[in-house]
């Protein structure tokens, strides 16, 4: 269930910067320009997701 529907890249960035927001609540289907959206972002290695080759069943 989407609770937030930003219309622009800037509205989306504002939402994502809220650390208390659950990202799955954001519907990005109206955002047509996501160019350079992640430019300059820093990743905190402690919180980086871990990916595996395993397929969960």
N, C-alpha and C. Protein backbone atom coordinates (compact mmCIF):
# COMPACT_ATOMS: atom_id res chain seq x y z
N UNK A 1 0.84 -1.19 0.00
CA UNK A 1 0.00 0.00 0.00
C UNK A 1 0.88 1.24 0.00
N UNK A 2 0.73 2.06 -0.99
CA UNK A 2 1.50 3.30 -1.09
C UNK A 2 0.84 4.39 -0.27
N UNK A 3 1.65 5.04 0.54
CA UNK A 3 1.14 6.16 1.32
C UNK A 3 1.64 7.49 0.75
N UNK A 4 2.71 7.42 -0.05
CA UNK A 4 3.32 8.63 -0.61
C UNK A 4 3.45 8.47 -2.11
N UNK A 5 3.09 9.49 -2.85
CA UNK A 5 3.19 9.47 -4.31
C UNK A 5 3.82 10.77 -4.81
N UNK A 6 5.13 10.87 -4.73
CA UNK A 6 5.78 12.09 -5.22
C UNK A 6 5.60 12.24 -6.72
N UNK A 7 5.54 13.47 -7.16
CA UNK A 7 5.36 13.75 -8.60
C UNK A 7 6.68 14.09 -9.28
N UNK A 8 7.66 14.56 -8.50
CA UNK A 8 8.94 14.96 -9.09
C UNK A 8 10.10 14.28 -8.37
N UNK A 9 11.24 14.34 -9.01
CA UNK A 9 12.48 13.81 -8.44
C UNK A 9 12.78 14.49 -7.10
N UNK A 10 12.51 15.76 -7.03
CA UNK A 10 12.83 16.53 -5.82
C UNK A 10 11.91 16.15 -4.66
N UNK A 11 10.65 15.89 -4.95
CA UNK A 11 9.73 15.40 -3.91
C UNK A 11 10.17 14.02 -3.42
N UNK A 12 10.61 13.18 -4.33
CA UNK A 12 11.08 11.85 -3.97
C UNK A 12 12.33 11.92 -3.09
N UNK A 13 13.28 12.77 -3.47
CA UNK A 13 14.50 12.92 -2.67
C UNK A 13 14.16 13.39 -1.27
N UNK A 14 13.23 14.31 -1.15
CA UNK A 14 12.82 14.80 0.17
C UNK A 14 12.25 13.66 1.02
N UNK A 15 11.44 12.80 0.41
CA UNK A 15 10.88 11.66 1.14
C UNK A 15 11.97 10.68 1.57
N UNK A 16 12.86 10.34 0.65
CA UNK A 16 13.91 9.35 0.92
C UNK A 16 14.87 9.82 2.01
N UNK A 17 15.06 11.12 2.13
CA UNK A 17 15.93 11.66 3.16
C UNK A 17 15.36 11.52 4.57
N UNK A 18 14.10 11.15 4.68
CA UNK A 18 13.48 10.91 5.98
C UNK A 18 13.84 9.50 6.43
N UNK A 19 14.74 9.38 7.41
CA UNK A 19 15.23 8.06 7.82
C UNK A 19 14.16 7.22 8.51
N UNK A 20 13.05 7.82 8.91
CA UNK A 20 11.99 7.08 9.59
C UNK A 20 10.94 6.53 8.62
N UNK A 21 11.09 6.85 7.36
CA UNK A 21 10.10 6.45 6.37
C UNK A 21 10.39 5.04 5.86
N UNK A 22 9.37 4.24 5.74
CA UNK A 22 9.50 2.90 5.16
C UNK A 22 9.43 3.06 3.65
N UNK A 23 10.51 2.70 2.96
CA UNK A 23 10.62 2.96 1.52
C UNK A 23 9.53 2.27 0.70
N UNK A 24 9.04 1.15 1.16
CA UNK A 24 8.01 0.45 0.39
C UNK A 24 6.68 1.21 0.38
N UNK A 25 6.55 2.26 1.17
CA UNK A 25 5.35 3.08 1.17
C UNK A 25 5.35 4.13 0.05
N UNK A 26 6.44 4.20 -0.70
CA UNK A 26 6.56 5.23 -1.74
C UNK A 26 6.22 4.64 -3.11
N UNK A 27 5.30 5.29 -3.80
CA UNK A 27 4.95 4.92 -5.16
C UNK A 27 5.68 5.89 -6.10
N UNK A 28 6.64 5.40 -6.84
CA UNK A 28 7.46 6.26 -7.69
C UNK A 28 6.98 6.31 -9.15
N UNK A 29 5.82 5.75 -9.43
CA UNK A 29 5.37 5.64 -10.82
C UNK A 29 5.15 6.98 -11.51
N UNK A 30 4.93 8.06 -10.77
CA UNK A 30 4.71 9.38 -11.39
C UNK A 30 6.00 10.15 -11.62
N UNK A 31 7.09 9.67 -11.04
CA UNK A 31 8.38 10.37 -11.20
C UNK A 31 8.98 9.93 -12.53
N UNK A 32 9.07 10.86 -13.48
CA UNK A 32 9.54 10.51 -14.82
C UNK A 32 11.03 10.81 -15.03
N UNK A 33 11.61 11.64 -14.18
CA UNK A 33 13.03 11.98 -14.32
C UNK A 33 13.76 11.65 -13.03
N UNK A 34 14.56 10.57 -13.06
CA UNK A 34 15.36 10.19 -11.89
C UNK A 34 16.85 10.37 -12.18
N UNK A 35 17.16 11.13 -13.21
CA UNK A 35 18.56 11.33 -13.60
C UNK A 35 19.34 12.01 -12.48
N UNK A 36 20.53 11.55 -12.26
CA UNK A 36 21.47 12.09 -11.27
C UNK A 36 20.91 12.10 -9.85
N UNK A 37 19.87 11.33 -9.60
CA UNK A 37 19.24 11.36 -8.30
C UNK A 37 20.16 10.85 -7.20
N UNK A 38 21.04 9.92 -7.51
CA UNK A 38 21.91 9.35 -6.50
C UNK A 38 23.33 9.90 -6.56
N UNK A 39 23.54 10.93 -7.36
CA UNK A 39 24.87 11.53 -7.48
C UNK A 39 25.29 12.10 -6.12
N UNK A 40 26.46 11.72 -5.68
CA UNK A 40 27.00 12.24 -4.43
C UNK A 40 26.50 11.52 -3.19
N UNK A 41 25.68 10.48 -3.35
CA UNK A 41 25.19 9.74 -2.19
C UNK A 41 26.32 8.92 -1.59
N UNK A 42 26.30 8.79 -0.29
CA UNK A 42 27.29 7.99 0.41
C UNK A 42 26.59 6.77 1.00
N UNK A 43 27.31 5.65 0.97
CA UNK A 43 26.76 4.40 1.50
C UNK A 43 27.44 4.11 2.83
N UNK A 44 26.64 3.84 3.82
CA UNK A 44 27.15 3.41 5.11
C UNK A 44 27.36 1.90 5.04
N UNK A 45 28.61 1.45 5.03
CA UNK A 45 28.91 0.03 4.84
C UNK A 45 28.26 -0.86 5.90
N UNK A 46 28.04 -0.35 7.09
CA UNK A 46 27.43 -1.15 8.14
C UNK A 46 25.98 -1.49 7.81
N UNK A 47 25.32 -0.62 7.07
CA UNK A 47 23.91 -0.84 6.74
C UNK A 47 23.69 -1.31 5.31
N UNK A 48 24.78 -1.58 4.59
CA UNK A 48 24.66 -1.99 3.20
C UNK A 48 24.00 -3.37 3.13
N UNK A 49 23.01 -3.54 2.26
CA UNK A 49 22.38 -4.85 2.15
C UNK A 49 23.36 -5.90 1.65
N UNK A 50 23.18 -7.10 2.10
CA UNK A 50 24.03 -8.20 1.69
C UNK A 50 23.25 -9.05 0.68
N UNK A 51 23.85 -9.26 -0.48
CA UNK A 51 23.19 -10.02 -1.53
C UNK A 51 23.87 -11.38 -1.67
N UNK A 52 23.10 -12.38 -2.00
CA UNK A 52 23.64 -13.71 -2.21
C UNK A 52 23.14 -14.22 -3.55
N UNK A 53 23.70 -15.31 -3.99
CA UNK A 53 23.27 -15.94 -5.25
C UNK A 53 22.10 -16.88 -5.02
N UNK A 54 21.75 -17.09 -3.76
CA UNK A 54 20.70 -18.06 -3.44
C UNK A 54 19.32 -17.50 -3.78
N UNK A 55 18.49 -18.38 -4.29
CA UNK A 55 17.11 -18.01 -4.61
C UNK A 55 16.23 -18.57 -3.49
N UNK A 56 15.54 -17.71 -2.75
CA UNK A 56 14.69 -18.22 -1.66
C UNK A 56 13.44 -18.91 -2.19
N UNK A 57 13.12 -20.03 -1.61
CA UNK A 57 11.91 -20.77 -1.98
C UNK A 57 11.04 -20.97 -0.77
